[in-house]
Protein backbone atom coordinates (compact mmCIF):
# COMPACT_ATOMS: atom_id res chain seq x y z
CA MET A 1 -247.37 -150.53 -63.40
CA LYS A 2 -243.43 -151.67 -63.37
CA ALA A 3 -241.90 -151.87 -66.51
CA VAL A 4 -241.41 -155.34 -68.21
CA ALA A 5 -239.36 -156.53 -71.05
CA PHE A 6 -239.91 -160.07 -72.38
CA ILE A 7 -236.81 -161.44 -74.17
CA ASP A 8 -235.73 -164.51 -75.99
CA ILE A 9 -231.90 -165.07 -77.24
CA GLU A 10 -230.86 -167.63 -79.60
CA VAL A 11 -227.32 -169.02 -79.26
CA ASP A 12 -225.11 -171.11 -81.61
CA PRO A 13 -224.88 -174.29 -79.73
CA HIS A 14 -221.19 -174.66 -80.85
CA SER A 15 -219.69 -171.48 -80.78
CA LYS A 16 -222.18 -169.96 -78.18
CA LYS A 17 -222.19 -166.87 -80.26
CA ILE A 18 -225.47 -165.01 -79.75
CA LEU A 19 -227.18 -165.26 -83.14
CA ASP A 20 -230.24 -163.04 -82.48
CA ILE A 21 -232.15 -161.22 -79.63
CA GLY A 22 -235.81 -160.69 -79.37
CA SER A 23 -237.60 -158.57 -77.07
CA VAL A 24 -240.65 -156.71 -76.64
CA LYS A 25 -241.89 -153.99 -73.99
CA GLU A 26 -245.31 -153.75 -72.27
CA ASP A 27 -245.72 -150.67 -74.10
CA GLY A 28 -245.47 -152.62 -77.63
CA SER A 29 -241.95 -151.46 -78.55
CA VAL A 30 -239.92 -154.44 -80.23
CA PHE A 31 -236.60 -155.32 -80.58
CA HIS A 32 -234.83 -157.57 -83.01
CA SER A 33 -231.17 -157.71 -83.50
CA ASN A 34 -228.10 -159.20 -82.53
CA SER A 35 -226.44 -155.98 -81.59
CA LEU A 36 -225.68 -156.24 -77.55
CA SER A 37 -225.39 -152.74 -77.32
CA SER A 38 -228.46 -151.74 -78.90
CA PHE A 39 -230.06 -154.40 -76.86
CA MET A 40 -228.72 -153.05 -73.71
CA GLU A 41 -230.16 -149.43 -74.72
CA PHE A 42 -233.69 -151.11 -75.69
CA LEU A 43 -233.88 -152.32 -72.18
CA GLN A 44 -233.45 -149.19 -70.36
CA GLY A 45 -236.13 -148.34 -68.07
CA SER A 46 -237.24 -151.79 -67.80
CA GLU A 47 -237.49 -152.93 -64.14
CA TYR A 48 -238.14 -156.75 -64.71
CA LEU A 49 -236.99 -159.04 -67.54
CA CYS A 50 -239.24 -162.10 -68.63
CA GLY A 51 -238.93 -164.97 -70.82
CA HIS A 52 -239.21 -168.82 -71.38
CA ASN A 53 -236.27 -170.67 -69.79
CA ILE A 54 -234.86 -167.08 -68.74
CA LEU A 55 -233.11 -168.51 -65.76
CA ASN A 56 -231.45 -171.61 -67.30
CA HIS A 57 -230.51 -170.00 -70.88
CA ASP A 58 -230.96 -166.13 -71.47
CA LEU A 59 -229.36 -164.77 -68.11
CA SER A 60 -226.70 -167.25 -68.12
CA THR A 61 -225.84 -166.20 -71.63
CA LEU A 62 -225.70 -162.54 -71.03
CA ARG A 63 -223.78 -163.09 -67.85
CA LEU A 64 -221.13 -165.01 -70.00
CA THR A 65 -221.25 -162.60 -72.48
CA PHE A 66 -221.07 -159.35 -70.79
CA LYS A 67 -218.75 -160.95 -68.04
CA LEU A 68 -220.83 -158.93 -65.28
CA GLN A 69 -222.52 -159.22 -62.22
CA ALA A 70 -225.41 -157.03 -63.35
CA PHE A 71 -228.05 -159.94 -63.64
CA ILE A 72 -228.16 -161.01 -60.08
CA LEU A 73 -230.71 -163.40 -59.16
């Protein structure tokens, strides 16, 4: 089975600052923090990311935050 992480990112609508990141993996491990470096470490080994409105919100926020092309659709 492929490793899946479900994510949700809460962002301040005015400053666009990430306030909170929540994630759970299929193995039951849970992440809840606003630390981007810890979040990226938590995602290690995940082959797929899933989430509500992930395409229009979460991935676009991560792209802007990291200024990377790592999250290619």
